[in-house]
N, C-alpha and C. Protein backbone atom coordinates (compact mmCIF):
# COMPACT_ATOMS: atom_id res chain seq x y z
N UNK A 1 206.13 173.12 85.37
CA UNK A 1 206.10 172.83 83.96
C UNK A 1 207.54 172.90 83.44
N UNK A 2 207.91 171.89 82.72
CA UNK A 2 209.26 171.86 82.17
C UNK A 2 209.34 172.78 80.96
N UNK A 3 210.55 173.11 80.59
CA UNK A 3 210.76 174.00 79.44
C UNK A 3 210.21 173.39 78.16
N UNK A 4 210.32 172.07 77.99
CA UNK A 4 209.83 171.41 76.77
C UNK A 4 208.30 171.52 76.69
N UNK A 5 207.63 171.31 77.81
CA UNK A 5 206.17 171.43 77.82
C UNK A 5 205.74 172.88 77.62
N UNK A 6 206.48 173.80 78.21
CA UNK A 6 206.15 175.21 78.07
C UNK A 6 206.29 175.66 76.62
N UNK A 7 207.28 175.17 75.95
CA UNK A 7 207.50 175.54 74.55
C UNK A 7 206.43 174.96 73.64
N UNK A 8 205.86 173.79 73.99
CA UNK A 8 204.86 173.16 73.14
C UNK A 8 203.43 173.60 73.47
N UNK A 9 203.25 174.29 74.57
CA UNK A 9 201.91 174.74 74.95
C UNK A 9 201.47 175.89 74.06
N UNK A 10 200.17 175.90 73.75
CA UNK A 10 199.63 176.99 72.94
C UNK A 10 199.56 178.27 73.76
N UNK A 11 199.84 179.40 73.15
CA UNK A 11 199.76 180.65 73.89
C UNK A 11 198.30 181.02 74.18
N UNK A 12 198.09 181.70 75.27
CA UNK A 12 196.75 182.14 75.65
C UNK A 12 196.56 183.56 75.13
N UNK A 13 195.49 183.76 74.38
CA UNK A 13 195.17 185.09 73.86
C UNK A 13 193.91 185.59 74.58
N UNK A 14 194.09 186.50 75.51
CA UNK A 14 192.97 186.98 76.32
C UNK A 14 191.88 187.64 75.47
N UNK A 15 192.25 188.25 74.37
CA UNK A 15 191.25 188.93 73.54
C UNK A 15 190.33 187.95 72.82
N UNK A 16 190.67 186.66 72.82
CA UNK A 16 189.85 185.66 72.18
C UNK A 16 188.90 184.95 73.15
N UNK A 17 188.84 185.41 74.38
CA UNK A 17 187.94 184.78 75.33
C UNK A 17 186.49 185.12 75.01
N UNK A 18 185.60 184.36 75.58
CA UNK A 18 184.18 184.53 75.30
C UNK A 18 183.65 185.74 76.07
N UNK A 19 183.01 186.63 75.33
CA UNK A 19 182.38 187.81 75.93
C UNK A 19 180.98 187.95 75.36
N UNK A 20 180.13 188.59 76.12
CA UNK A 20 178.79 188.88 75.60
C UNK A 20 178.92 189.86 74.45
N UNK A 21 178.10 189.70 73.45
CA UNK A 21 178.15 190.60 72.30
C UNK A 21 177.56 191.95 72.71
N UNK A 22 178.43 192.89 72.95
CA UNK A 22 178.00 194.21 73.42
C UNK A 22 177.29 195.02 72.34
N UNK A 23 177.49 194.64 71.08
CA UNK A 23 176.92 195.42 69.99
C UNK A 23 175.69 194.77 69.38
N UNK A 24 175.23 193.68 69.97
CA UNK A 24 174.04 193.00 69.44
C UNK A 24 172.81 193.84 69.73
N UNK A 25 171.93 193.89 68.79
CA UNK A 25 170.69 194.65 68.98
C UNK A 25 169.80 193.91 69.98
N UNK A 26 169.27 194.63 70.96
CA UNK A 26 168.40 193.95 71.91
C UNK A 26 167.14 193.44 71.21
N UNK A 27 166.78 192.22 71.53
CA UNK A 27 165.61 191.65 70.89
C UNK A 27 164.51 191.48 71.93
N UNK A 28 163.33 191.87 71.57
CA UNK A 28 162.18 191.73 72.45
C UNK A 28 161.22 190.74 71.81
N UNK A 29 160.88 189.73 72.55
CA UNK A 29 159.98 188.71 72.05
C UNK A 29 158.57 189.06 72.49
N UNK A 30 157.67 189.16 71.52
CA UNK A 30 156.28 189.48 71.80
C UNK A 30 155.43 188.28 71.42
N UNK A 31 154.69 187.79 72.39
CA UNK A 31 153.80 186.66 72.12
C UNK A 31 152.49 187.19 71.56
N UNK A 32 152.05 186.60 70.49
CA UNK A 32 150.80 187.01 69.87
C UNK A 32 149.93 185.78 69.66
N UNK A 33 148.65 186.00 69.66
CA UNK A 33 147.72 184.92 69.44
C UNK A 33 147.74 184.54 67.97
N UNK A 34 147.80 183.26 67.72
CA UNK A 34 147.83 182.77 66.35
C UNK A 34 146.43 182.67 65.78
N UNK A 35 146.33 182.17 64.57
CA UNK A 35 145.02 182.04 63.93
C UNK A 35 144.19 180.96 64.64
N UNK A 36 142.87 181.08 64.58
CA UNK A 36 142.02 180.06 65.22
C UNK A 36 142.08 178.75 64.45
N UNK A 37 141.68 177.65 65.09
CA UNK A 37 141.64 176.38 64.37
C UNK A 37 140.66 176.44 63.21
N UNK A 38 140.86 175.59 62.22
CA UNK A 38 140.02 175.62 61.02
C UNK A 38 138.55 175.36 61.34
N UNK A 39 138.28 174.53 62.35
CA UNK A 39 136.88 174.20 62.67
C UNK A 39 136.33 175.05 63.82
N UNK A 40 136.92 176.20 64.07
CA UNK A 40 136.52 177.04 65.20
C UNK A 40 135.03 177.41 65.15
N UNK A 41 134.53 177.77 64.00
CA UNK A 41 133.13 178.22 63.88
C UNK A 41 132.15 177.09 64.17
N UNK A 42 132.55 175.85 63.94
CA UNK A 42 131.65 174.72 64.15
C UNK A 42 131.70 174.17 65.58
N UNK A 43 132.66 174.60 66.36
CA UNK A 43 132.79 174.09 67.72
C UNK A 43 131.69 174.66 68.61
N UNK A 44 131.16 173.83 69.51
CA UNK A 44 130.13 174.34 70.42
C UNK A 44 130.75 175.26 71.47
N UNK A 45 129.99 176.24 71.90
CA UNK A 45 130.45 177.15 72.95
C UNK A 45 130.49 176.38 74.26
N UNK A 46 131.30 176.86 75.20
CA UNK A 46 131.44 176.17 76.47
C UNK A 46 130.19 176.30 77.33
N UNK A 47 129.40 177.32 77.08
CA UNK A 47 128.20 177.52 77.88
C UNK A 47 128.46 178.25 79.18
N UNK A 48 129.67 178.70 79.39
CA UNK A 48 130.02 179.40 80.61
C UNK A 48 130.02 180.89 80.34
N UNK A 49 129.23 181.62 81.13
CA UNK A 49 129.21 183.08 81.00
C UNK A 49 130.44 183.64 81.69
N UNK A 50 131.22 184.40 80.95
CA UNK A 50 132.44 184.97 81.50
C UNK A 50 132.39 186.48 81.34
N UNK A 51 132.63 187.18 82.44
CA UNK A 51 132.70 188.63 82.40
C UNK A 51 134.16 189.02 82.16
N UNK A 52 134.45 189.74 81.07
CA UNK A 52 135.84 190.11 80.79
C UNK A 52 136.46 190.90 81.93
N UNK A 53 137.70 190.57 82.26
CA UNK A 53 138.43 191.29 83.29
C UNK A 53 138.22 190.76 84.68
N UNK A 54 137.37 189.76 84.85
CA UNK A 54 137.12 189.20 86.17
C UNK A 54 137.59 187.75 86.20
N UNK A 55 137.92 187.28 87.38
CA UNK A 55 138.33 185.90 87.54
C UNK A 55 137.13 184.96 87.42
N UNK A 56 137.42 183.70 87.18
CA UNK A 56 136.37 182.71 87.06
C UNK A 56 136.04 182.13 88.44
N UNK A 57 134.78 181.81 88.63
CA UNK A 57 134.38 181.16 89.87
C UNK A 57 134.71 179.68 89.78
N UNK A 58 134.64 178.99 90.91
CA UNK A 58 134.92 177.56 90.92
C UNK A 58 133.93 176.80 90.04
N UNK A 59 132.69 177.24 90.02
CA UNK A 59 131.69 176.58 89.18
C UNK A 59 132.00 176.76 87.70
N UNK A 60 132.46 177.96 87.31
CA UNK A 60 132.81 178.20 85.91
C UNK A 60 134.01 177.34 85.49
N UNK A 61 134.99 177.24 86.37
CA UNK A 61 136.17 176.43 86.05
C UNK A 61 135.78 174.97 85.92
N UNK A 62 134.93 174.51 86.83
CA UNK A 62 134.48 173.12 86.78
C UNK A 62 133.71 172.86 85.49
N UNK A 63 132.87 173.81 85.07
CA UNK A 63 132.12 173.63 83.83
C UNK A 63 133.04 173.62 82.62
N UNK A 64 134.08 174.46 82.64
CA UNK A 64 134.99 174.53 81.51
C UNK A 64 135.91 173.32 81.43
N UNK A 65 136.21 172.69 82.57
CA UNK A 65 137.08 171.51 82.56
C UNK A 65 136.28 170.23 82.46
N UNK A 66 135.01 170.34 82.18
CA UNK A 66 134.20 169.14 81.99
C UNK A 66 133.75 168.51 83.29
N UNK A 67 133.67 169.28 84.35
CA UNK A 67 133.20 168.74 85.62
C UNK A 67 134.26 167.99 86.39
N UNK A 68 135.50 168.05 85.96
CA UNK A 68 136.58 167.34 86.64
C UNK A 68 137.23 168.29 87.64
N UNK A 69 136.67 168.32 88.84
CA UNK A 69 137.17 169.24 89.87
C UNK A 69 138.59 168.87 90.30
N UNK A 70 138.93 167.58 90.23
CA UNK A 70 140.28 167.16 90.61
C UNK A 70 141.33 167.75 89.67
N UNK A 71 141.02 167.80 88.39
CA UNK A 71 141.96 168.38 87.42
C UNK A 71 142.13 169.87 87.68
N UNK A 72 141.04 170.56 88.01
CA UNK A 72 141.13 171.99 88.30
C UNK A 72 141.96 172.22 89.55
N UNK A 73 141.77 171.40 90.57
CA UNK A 73 142.56 171.53 91.80
C UNK A 73 144.03 171.23 91.54
N UNK A 74 144.30 170.23 90.70
CA UNK A 74 145.68 169.89 90.37
C UNK A 74 146.35 171.04 89.62
N UNK A 75 145.62 171.70 88.73
CA UNK A 75 146.18 172.84 88.00
C UNK A 75 146.52 173.98 88.94
N UNK A 76 145.65 174.24 89.91
CA UNK A 76 145.91 175.30 90.88
C UNK A 76 147.15 174.96 91.70
N UNK A 77 147.26 173.70 92.13
CA UNK A 77 148.43 173.29 92.90
C UNK A 77 149.72 173.43 92.09
N UNK A 78 149.67 173.07 90.81
CA UNK A 78 150.85 173.22 89.96
C UNK A 78 151.23 174.69 89.80
N UNK A 79 150.25 175.54 89.59
CA UNK A 79 150.54 176.97 89.43
C UNK A 79 151.11 177.55 90.71
N UNK A 80 150.58 177.14 91.85
CA UNK A 80 151.11 177.64 93.12
C UNK A 80 152.53 177.14 93.34
N UNK A 81 152.81 175.89 92.95
CA UNK A 81 154.16 175.34 93.10
C UNK A 81 155.15 176.10 92.22
N UNK A 82 154.67 176.65 91.09
CA UNK A 82 155.53 177.43 90.19
C UNK A 82 155.64 178.88 90.63
N UNK A 83 154.96 179.23 91.71
CA UNK A 83 155.02 180.60 92.22
C UNK A 83 154.08 181.55 91.52
N UNK A 84 153.09 181.02 90.80
CA UNK A 84 152.13 181.87 90.10
C UNK A 84 150.97 182.23 91.02
N UNK A 85 150.45 183.43 90.89
CA UNK A 85 149.30 183.86 91.68
C UNK A 85 148.04 183.33 91.03
N UNK A 86 147.46 182.33 91.65
CA UNK A 86 146.26 181.71 91.07
C UNK A 86 144.99 182.41 91.48
N UNK A 87 145.06 183.23 92.52
CA UNK A 87 143.86 183.89 93.01
C UNK A 87 142.99 182.94 93.80
N UNK A 88 143.47 181.72 94.04
CA UNK A 88 142.70 180.73 94.80
C UNK A 88 142.89 181.02 96.29
N UNK A 89 141.81 181.20 96.96
CA UNK A 89 141.85 181.46 98.40
C UNK A 89 141.00 180.40 99.06
N UNK A 90 141.63 179.44 99.69
CA UNK A 90 140.81 178.44 100.34
C UNK A 90 141.54 177.29 100.85
């Protein structure tokens, strides 16, 4: 670098470099269920008996997806591709 270029170059101020904000308050994002749709009470039930805390059987999933077993299989494949535990054994 020539003296002329060195004289015209802006000085580097190390204290102005980008740093993580060490004093920022940690924020925790909590997902919450929103309000139900306006027509929720008028919607028909799915007709699938579900025991809380247990996984759904293949028949229950098929009934809930409208009998489209291919869509249910595609969803399981997508979840497995994302590394999610689908509980599907087969």
